Amino acid sequence: MKIAYLIHWNEGPESGVFKKIISQALSWQALGHETALFLFSRENAAAWMEAETGGLPVFREVYRGRLGRTPRFKALIGQVRAWQPDVVYHRFDLYYPSLPRLLREYPSVLEINTNDVAELALEGRGLSLRRMYHLLTRRLVLEAAGGFVFVSGELARADGFRRYAKSYVVIGNGIPLEQFSAGRVAEAEAFGRVVGPGEVRTVHVSAAADLPAAAGARSDESHVRFVFISSPGQAWQGLDEIARLAAVKPDWRFDIIGPERGELEAAGLQVPANMAFHGQLTRDRYQPLLDRADLAIGTLALYRKGMEEASPLKVREYLANGLPVIAAYRETDFPEPVPFFLELPGEPESVVRHLSAIESFARDWRGRRVDREHVRHLDVTVKEAARAAYMLRIARRRERGGESG
């Protein structure tokens, strides 16, 4: 099967989403499917020159400003047709006049990652030109698709998608587990002494095991270290909730990767001294922060998008590193409670309202790591085998003369 992966993406090759896309496509290749990436992005040649694609063929069209988008996207569509795919896989984004025809012309599958209508509503009051355009045109793309992959069951049931999804499957986000070494703990944190940069030892512990007796000095909850990864400007991630937690637990430490302190200051919030902002970092630069963390923080304010369920990439990265997680949403891939994921209610100031539960969770998990076997089903090979099987069903349905969307 020849799979054309079509995306519009501007956050660069170091973003978690782009890494996910590459791991998906390479997994399809490993399953025996010929795959190529068709990338539409703003002109930024320097950022993409060193993009790691694992040898995946990439066809890229760039644009400057808004006026050049439509013809450049049409040119990319022309490259898709020239490649003659068996299936077009598209990460749902904006409408372009040439897109619906392509999705009808070939067996096609849309990947739905978010409630786009609710997310746009967070951009501000009133109807911006961009929001109005999307609301008026989104159905043209959705109606043209032959199938849908939703990253959560809640999205599949949402009114904004349900009417269009004649065929769909729910597949939570995955991660290439083999790229991560679960159970790494910074020696300074594990054994109570200060070490130089890079002096990290690997300690393999199971979900039910504690560190050796030498770590006894770390048995209380003081100086617990948390890590949080996010993109800047995403209100539903709950950076303000972390600030509230940091304010009431001044002995805890919070490493923030991605957002800057200015986001809190712009909202009129004080920034506690125990929050360290590291800005946007590449993985090799933020990995030491994960290695020395005790716990990780997932999405804390998903309710702002009117959502309750998700499968965020960052949480998969935390778990791949063996880090237990605190979040305030229902996890698609853990429908039943698990000891290493503390699910808070999705409500304002949840971290303060349920502080005692967080304190107990921190005491239980400090100095421990999640056993890899408990997260094996998150591996990209498991996820992409299911995704490729669904695309094959969509392609065969078209061959048998079934509906395409």
Protein backbone atom coordinates (compact mmCIF):
# COMPACT_ATOMS: atom_id res chain seq x y z
CA MET A 1 0.00 0.00 0.00
CA LYS A 2 1.33 3.46 -0.92
CA ILE A 3 0.47 6.01 1.78
CA ALA A 4 0.73 9.75 1.15
CA TYR A 5 0.94 11.58 4.51
CA LEU A 6 -0.29 15.15 3.91
CA ILE A 7 0.22 17.78 6.62
CA HIS A 8 0.26 21.54 7.15
CA TRP A 9 2.78 22.19 9.93
CA ASN A 10 4.74 25.28 10.96
CA GLU A 11 6.26 24.51 14.36
CA GLY A 12 9.40 22.95 12.93
CA PRO A 13 11.12 19.56 12.99
CA GLU A 14 11.89 19.64 16.72
CA SER A 15 8.23 19.79 17.73
CA GLY A 16 6.62 16.78 19.34
CA VAL A 17 3.98 16.63 16.63
CA PHE A 18 6.50 16.43 13.80
CA LYS A 19 8.43 13.72 15.62
CA LYS A 20 5.17 11.83 16.02
CA ILE A 21 4.47 12.17 12.29
CA ILE A 22 7.89 10.81 11.37
CA SER A 23 7.58 7.88 13.77
CA GLN A 24 4.15 7.06 12.34
CA ALA A 25 5.38 7.11 8.75
CA LEU A 26 8.50 5.07 9.52
CA SER A 27 6.35 2.51 11.31
CA TRP A 28 4.18 2.15 8.21
CA GLN A 29 7.33 1.59 6.17
CA ALA A 30 8.47 -1.08 8.62
CA LEU A 31 5.12 -2.80 8.10
CA GLY A 32 5.87 -2.97 4.37
CA HIS A 33 3.93 0.08 3.17
CA GLU A 34 5.58 2.62 0.88
CA THR A 35 5.21 6.00 2.53
CA ALA A 36 6.02 9.61 1.66
CA LEU A 37 5.46 12.85 3.56
CA PHE A 38 3.88 15.82 1.78
CA LEU A 39 4.61 18.86 3.95
CA PHE A 40 3.07 22.33 3.65
CA SER A 41 4.76 25.01 5.75
CA ARG A 42 5.88 28.62 6.00
CA GLU A 43 9.16 29.49 4.41
CA ASN A 44 11.87 28.73 6.96
CA ALA A 45 14.48 26.75 5.11
CA ALA A 46 17.05 26.81 7.92
CA ALA A 47 14.75 25.04 10.39
CA TRP A 48 14.00 22.20 7.99
CA MET A 49 17.45 21.65 6.51
CA GLU A 50 18.51 19.41 9.40
CA ALA A 51 15.18 17.68 9.91
CA GLU A 52 15.57 14.03 10.87
CA THR A 53 13.23 11.95 8.74
CA GLY A 54 14.90 8.56 8.91
CA GLY A 55 15.23 8.44 5.13
CA LEU A 56 11.52 9.07 4.59
CA PRO A 57 10.84 10.79 1.24
CA VAL A 58 9.63 14.36 1.90
CA PHE A 59 7.93 16.62 -0.65
CA ARG A 60 7.69 20.17 0.69
CA GLU A 61 5.92 23.28 -0.51
CA VAL A 62 6.47 26.59 1.28
CA TYR A 63 4.50 29.82 1.32
CA ARG A 64 4.96 33.43 2.35
CA GLY A 65 2.08 35.18 4.06
CA ARG A 66 -1.55 34.42 3.28
CA LEU A 67 -1.80 35.36 -0.36
CA GLY A 68 0.48 32.61 -1.59
CA ARG A 69 -1.07 29.77 0.34
CA THR A 70 -3.75 28.57 -2.06
CA PRO A 71 -1.59 28.14 -5.19
CA ARG A 72 1.27 26.62 -3.21
CA PHE A 73 -1.03 24.09 -1.55
CA LYS A 74 -2.47 23.23 -4.95
CA ALA A 75 1.08 22.59 -6.16
CA LEU A 76 1.61 20.19 -3.25
CA ILE A 77 -1.63 18.40 -4.13
CA GLY A 78 -0.22 18.01 -7.64
CA GLN A 79 2.82 16.26 -6.17
CA VAL A 80 0.55 13.90 -4.24
CA ARG A 81 -1.29 12.96 -7.43
CA ALA A 82 1.95 12.47 -9.34
CA TRP A 83 3.09 10.04 -6.63
CA GLN A 84 -0.11 7.99 -7.17
CA PRO A 85 -0.89 6.85 -3.63
CA ASP A 86 -3.30 4.12 -2.62
CA VAL A 87 -4.37 6.13 0.45
CA VAL A 88 -4.10 9.77 1.50
CA TYR A 89 -3.66 10.28 5.25
CA HIS A 90 -4.20 13.88 6.36
CA ARG A 91 -3.84 15.55 9.73
CA PHE A 92 -7.01 17.69 9.82
CA ASP A 93 -6.28 21.39 9.64
CA LEU A 94 -7.53 24.20 7.39
CA TYR A 95 -9.60 24.07 4.22
CA TYR A 96 -7.91 24.71 0.89
CA PRO A 97 -9.99 24.65 -2.32
CA SER A 98 -7.97 21.78 -3.79
CA LEU A 99 -8.18 19.57 -0.68
CA PRO A 100 -11.74 18.13 -0.73
CA ARG A 101 -11.38 16.94 -4.32
CA LEU A 102 -8.16 15.10 -3.42
CA LEU A 103 -9.82 13.43 -0.42
CA ARG A 104 -12.65 12.20 -2.67
CA GLU A 105 -10.38 11.19 -5.50
CA TYR A 106 -8.39 8.74 -3.37
CA PRO A 107 -9.25 6.57 -0.36
CA SER A 108 -8.60 9.04 2.45
CA VAL A 109 -8.37 9.18 6.22
CA LEU A 110 -8.40 12.26 8.45
CA GLU A 111 -6.60 12.29 11.79
CA ILE A 112 -8.51 14.33 14.39
CA ASN A 113 -6.34 15.52 17.29
CA THR A 114 -8.46 18.19 18.95
CA ASN A 115 -11.82 19.88 19.14
CA ASP A 116 -10.85 22.56 16.62
CA VAL A 117 -13.97 24.67 17.15
CA ALA A 118 -13.48 24.89 20.92
CA GLU A 119 -9.76 25.55 20.53
CA LEU A 120 -10.33 28.46 18.17
CA ALA A 121 -12.85 29.93 20.61
CA LEU A 122 -10.04 30.28 23.16
CA GLU A 123 -8.18 32.69 20.88
CA GLY A 124 -10.38 35.57 22.00
CA ARG A 125 -13.83 37.03 21.98
CA GLY A 126 -15.74 37.57 18.79
CA LEU A 127 -15.26 36.04 15.36
CA SER A 128 -11.78 36.61 14.00
CA LEU A 129 -11.31 36.32 10.25
CA ARG A 130 -9.40 33.06 10.68
CA ARG A 131 -12.01 31.54 12.96
CA MET A 132 -14.88 32.60 10.71
CA TYR A 133 -13.13 31.12 7.67
CA HIS A 134 -12.57 27.82 9.45
CA LEU A 135 -16.11 27.56 10.79
CA LEU A 136 -17.54 28.19 7.33
CA THR A 137 -15.29 25.74 5.49
CA ARG A 138 -14.39 22.89 7.87
CA ARG A 139 -17.38 20.76 6.80
CA LEU A 140 -16.11 20.74 3.20
CA VAL A 141 -13.03 18.85 4.34
CA LEU A 142 -14.83 16.59 6.81
CA GLU A 143 -17.52 15.58 4.30
CA ALA A 144 -14.92 14.58 1.73
CA ALA A 145 -12.99 12.12 3.92
CA GLY A 146 -13.42 8.38 3.58
CA GLY A 147 -12.51 7.59 7.20
CA PHE A 148 -11.44 9.12 10.49
CA VAL A 149 -8.90 8.35 13.19
CA PHE A 150 -9.70 10.06 16.50
CA VAL A 151 -7.14 10.29 19.30
CA SER A 152 -9.90 9.97 21.90
CA GLY A 153 -13.36 8.50 22.17
CA GLU A 154 -14.72 11.85 23.31
CA LEU A 155 -13.71 13.48 20.03
CA ALA A 156 -15.39 10.68 18.07
CA ARG A 157 -18.64 11.39 19.92
CA ALA A 158 -18.43 15.19 19.58
CA ASP A 159 -21.24 16.84 17.60
CA GLY A 160 -18.74 18.68 15.44
CA PHE A 161 -17.44 15.39 14.04
CA ARG A 162 -20.04 12.69 14.64
CA ARG A 163 -22.28 13.71 11.74
CA TYR A 164 -19.41 13.36 9.25
CA ALA A 165 -17.71 10.20 10.50
CA LYS A 166 -19.45 7.38 8.64
CA SER A 167 -16.41 5.24 9.42
CA TYR A 168 -13.91 5.82 12.21
CA VAL A 169 -11.53 4.25 14.71
CA VAL A 170 -10.16 5.55 18.02
CA ILE A 171 -6.38 5.28 18.41
CA GLY A 172 -4.69 7.22 21.19
CA ASN A 173 -1.32 8.81 20.52
CA GLY A 174 1.72 6.54 20.67
CA ILE A 175 5.45 6.94 21.17
CA PRO A 176 8.56 4.99 20.09
CA LEU A 177 9.44 3.48 23.46
CA GLU A 178 12.78 2.13 22.27
CA GLN A 179 14.07 5.71 22.01
CA PHE A 180 13.72 6.22 25.75
CA SER A 181 15.49 4.72 28.75
CA ALA A 182 12.90 4.36 31.50
CA GLY A 183 14.09 4.56 35.05
CA ARG A 184 16.90 7.13 34.80
CA VAL A 185 17.27 9.15 37.98
CA ALA A 186 19.74 11.96 38.61
CA GLU A 187 22.27 10.85 41.20
CA ALA A 188 22.12 14.18 42.97
CA GLU A 189 18.40 13.73 43.57
CA ALA A 190 18.51 10.02 44.32
CA PHE A 191 21.35 10.03 46.83
CA GLY A 192 21.28 13.51 48.30
CA ARG A 193 24.50 15.02 46.98
CA VAL A 194 25.26 17.67 44.37
CA VAL A 195 26.88 16.48 41.14
CA GLY A 196 28.12 18.23 38.06
CA PRO A 197 26.20 18.55 34.78
CA GLY A 198 25.77 15.24 33.02
CA GLU A 199 26.67 13.08 36.02
CA VAL A 200 23.64 10.83 35.73
CA ARG A 201 23.37 7.20 36.71
CA THR A 202 20.73 4.72 35.59
CA VAL A 203 18.64 3.09 38.30
CA HIS A 204 16.11 0.50 37.15
CA VAL A 205 13.21 0.18 39.55
CA SER A 206 9.77 -1.33 39.10
CA ALA A 207 6.46 0.33 39.83
CA ALA A 208 6.36 -1.51 43.16
CA ALA A 209 9.98 -0.98 44.22
CA ASP A 210 11.70 1.76 46.17
CA LEU A 211 15.25 3.03 45.76
CA PRO A 212 18.01 1.56 47.93
CA ALA A 213 18.31 2.51 51.56
CA ALA A 214 20.94 5.13 50.67
CA ALA A 215 18.11 7.28 49.38
CA GLY A 216 16.47 7.45 52.78
CA ALA A 217 17.10 11.16 52.98
CA ARG A 218 14.56 11.53 50.17
CA SER A 219 11.73 9.66 51.88
CA ASP A 220 9.72 12.76 52.82
CA GLU A 221 7.94 15.03 50.36
CA SER A 222 10.20 18.10 50.65
CA HIS A 223 12.03 19.24 47.53
CA VAL A 224 10.02 17.02 45.21
CA ARG A 225 10.92 17.91 41.62
CA PHE A 226 8.27 18.19 38.91
CA VAL A 227 8.67 18.66 35.17
CA PHE A 228 6.18 20.10 32.69
CA ILE A 229 6.46 20.25 28.88
CA SER A 230 4.13 22.34 26.74
CA SER A 231 3.91 24.69 23.79
CA PRO A 232 3.66 28.39 24.60
CA GLY A 233 0.26 30.07 24.64
CA GLN A 234 -1.97 27.02 25.18
CA ALA A 235 -4.37 28.01 27.96
CA TRP A 236 -5.78 24.49 28.28
CA GLN A 237 -2.41 23.16 29.42
CA GLY A 238 -2.90 24.92 32.75
CA LEU A 239 0.37 26.77 33.37
CA ASP A 240 -1.54 28.97 35.82
CA GLU A 241 -2.62 25.85 37.73
CA ILE A 242 1.02 24.88 38.15
CA ALA A 243 1.73 28.35 39.51
CA ARG A 244 -1.01 27.87 42.11
CA LEU A 245 0.48 24.53 43.14
CA ALA A 246 3.97 26.01 43.32
CA ALA A 247 2.69 28.86 45.50
CA VAL A 248 1.24 26.54 48.14
CA LYS A 249 4.20 24.11 48.03
CA PRO A 250 7.29 26.39 48.12
CA ASP A 251 9.63 23.47 48.93
CA TRP A 252 8.77 21.68 45.69
CA ARG A 253 10.61 22.46 42.45
CA PHE A 254 8.98 22.90 39.04
CA ASP A 255 10.93 22.80 35.77
CA ILE A 256 8.89 24.37 32.94
CA ILE A 257 9.88 23.52 29.36
CA GLY A 258 8.32 25.56 26.55
CA PRO A 259 6.24 28.40 28.05
CA GLU A 260 7.94 31.48 29.48
CA ARG A 261 7.20 33.28 32.75
CA GLY A 262 5.76 36.17 30.73
CA GLU A 263 2.61 34.14 30.09
CA LEU A 264 1.80 34.20 33.79
CA GLU A 265 2.81 37.83 34.21
CA ALA A 266 0.62 38.85 31.27
CA ALA A 267 -2.30 37.19 33.03
CA GLY A 268 -1.61 39.24 36.16
CA LEU A 269 -0.30 36.26 38.13
CA GLN A 270 2.74 36.24 40.38
CA VAL A 271 5.44 33.74 39.46
CA PRO A 272 6.57 31.67 42.44
CA ALA A 273 10.33 31.47 42.95
CA ASN A 274 10.28 27.66 42.78
CA MET A 275 9.23 27.68 39.10
CA ALA A 276 12.22 27.50 36.73
CA PHE A 277 11.47 28.45 33.10
CA HIS A 278 13.77 26.86 30.54
CA GLY A 279 12.05 28.01 27.34
CA GLN A 280 11.77 25.87 24.23
CA LEU A 281 14.47 23.20 24.17
CA THR A 282 15.42 20.34 21.91
CA ARG A 283 15.07 16.89 23.42
CA ASP A 284 18.78 16.43 24.04
CA ARG A 285 18.72 19.61 26.13
CA TYR A 286 15.59 18.88 28.17
CA GLN A 287 16.27 15.18 28.74
CA PRO A 288 18.40 15.88 31.87
CA LEU A 289 15.38 17.66 33.38
CA LEU A 290 13.28 14.54 32.84
CA ASP A 291 16.06 12.35 34.24
CA ARG A 292 16.19 14.21 37.54
CA ALA A 293 12.41 14.74 37.94
CA ASP A 294 10.35 12.81 40.47
CA LEU A 295 6.99 13.39 38.80
CA ALA A 296 5.59 14.96 35.64
CA ILE A 297 2.61 17.22 35.05
CA GLY A 298 0.20 16.68 32.18
CA THR A 299 -2.67 18.81 30.91
CA LEU A 300 -4.46 20.53 33.80
CA ALA A 301 -7.13 22.71 32.19
CA LEU A 302 -8.61 20.72 29.31
CA TYR A 303 -12.04 21.82 30.50
CA ARG A 304 -11.28 25.20 28.91
CA LYS A 305 -11.77 23.49 25.55
CA GLY A 306 -14.92 21.78 26.77
CA MET A 307 -13.12 18.42 26.79
CA GLU A 308 -12.61 15.69 29.38
CA GLU A 309 -10.57 13.04 27.54
CA ALA A 310 -7.23 13.12 25.69
CA SER A 311 -4.01 11.25 24.89
CA PRO A 312 -1.30 13.97 24.91
CA LEU A 313 2.10 13.27 23.41
CA LYS A 314 3.92 14.78 26.37
CA VAL A 315 2.31 12.34 28.78
CA ARG A 316 3.50 9.45 26.60
CA GLU A 317 7.00 10.91 26.73
CA TYR A 318 6.80 11.19 30.51
CA LEU A 319 5.68 7.57 30.83
CA ALA A 320 8.34 6.41 28.35
CA ASN A 321 10.84 7.95 30.77
CA GLY A 322 9.20 6.10 33.65
CA LEU A 323 7.76 9.24 35.23
CA PRO A 324 4.44 9.05 37.12
CA VAL A 325 1.98 11.73 35.99
CA ILE A 326 -0.46 14.19 37.54
CA ALA A 327 -3.14 15.52 35.17
CA ALA A 328 -6.76 16.64 35.06
CA TYR A 329 -8.39 14.71 32.24
CA ARG A 330 -9.42 11.15 31.37
CA GLU A 331 -6.67 9.18 29.60
CA THR A 332 -7.80 7.37 26.45
CA ASP A 333 -5.26 4.58 26.88
CA PHE A 334 -5.93 4.07 30.60
CA PRO A 335 -9.71 3.77 30.88
CA GLU A 336 -9.33 2.13 34.31
CA PRO A 337 -7.41 3.70 37.21
CA VAL A 338 -3.67 2.94 37.36
CA PRO A 339 -1.40 3.76 40.30
CA PHE A 340 1.07 5.87 38.29
CA PHE A 341 -1.48 8.32 36.84
CA LEU A 342 -3.23 10.68 39.26
CA GLU A 343 -6.38 11.92 37.54
CA LEU A 344 -7.66 15.12 39.10
CA PRO A 345 -11.13 16.47 38.35
CA GLY A 346 -11.23 18.77 35.34
CA GLU A 347 -12.18 21.98 37.13
CA PRO A 348 -10.66 25.36 38.00
CA GLU A 349 -8.04 25.31 40.78
CA SER A 350 -8.15 21.53 40.88
CA VAL A 351 -4.55 21.30 42.14
CA VAL A 352 -5.40 23.37 45.21
CA ARG A 353 -8.74 21.69 45.87
CA HIS A 354 -7.09 18.27 45.76
CA LEU A 355 -3.72 19.15 47.25
CA SER A 356 -3.79 16.29 49.76
CA ALA A 357 -4.16 13.74 46.94
CA ILE A 358 -1.16 15.28 45.14
CA GLU A 359 0.92 15.23 48.33
CA SER A 360 0.09 11.57 48.90
CA PHE A 361 0.90 10.73 45.27
CA ALA A 362 4.25 12.55 45.56
CA ARG A 363 5.15 10.64 48.73
CA ASP A 364 4.27 7.31 47.11
CA TRP A 365 6.18 7.88 43.88
CA ARG A 366 9.18 9.97 44.81
CA GLY A 367 12.32 8.12 43.75
CA ARG A 368 10.45 5.44 41.81
CA ARG A 369 9.77 4.79 38.14
CA VAL A 370 6.89 3.27 36.21
CA ASP A 371 7.60 -0.25 34.98
CA ARG A 372 7.92 -0.31 31.17
CA GLU A 373 5.53 -3.26 30.93
CA HIS A 374 2.67 -1.10 32.21
CA VAL A 375 2.98 1.25 29.22
CA ARG A 376 3.92 -1.21 26.48
CA HIS A 377 0.60 -0.65 24.70
CA LEU A 378 1.58 2.99 24.10
CA ASP A 379 4.37 1.95 21.75
CA VAL A 380 4.15 3.37 18.25
CA THR A 381 4.46 -0.09 16.69
CA VAL A 382 1.23 -1.16 18.39
CA LYS A 383 -0.60 2.04 17.45
CA GLU A 384 0.58 2.17 13.85
CA ALA A 385 -0.23 -1.46 13.12
CA ALA A 386 -3.83 -0.66 14.04
CA ARG A 387 -3.78 2.57 12.01
CA ALA A 388 -2.33 0.91 8.91
CA ALA A 389 -4.90 -1.88 9.17
CA TYR A 390 -7.68 0.72 9.22
CA MET A 391 -6.26 2.54 6.18
CA LEU A 392 -6.10 -0.76 4.35
CA ARG A 393 -9.79 -1.36 5.11
CA ILE A 394 -10.65 2.08 3.73
CA ALA A 395 -8.67 1.37 0.56
CA ARG A 396 -10.27 -2.03 0.05
CA ARG A 397 -13.72 -0.58 0.64
CA ARG A 398 -13.11 1.82 -2.24
CA GLU A 399 -11.95 -1.08 -4.43
CA ARG A 400 -15.21 -2.89 -3.68
CA GLY A 401 -17.17 0.21 -4.66
CA GLY A 402 -18.05 1.34 -1.16
CA GLU A 403 -18.68 4.93 -0.12
CA SER A 404 -15.64 7.11 0.20
CA GLY A 405 -17.00 9.66 2.62
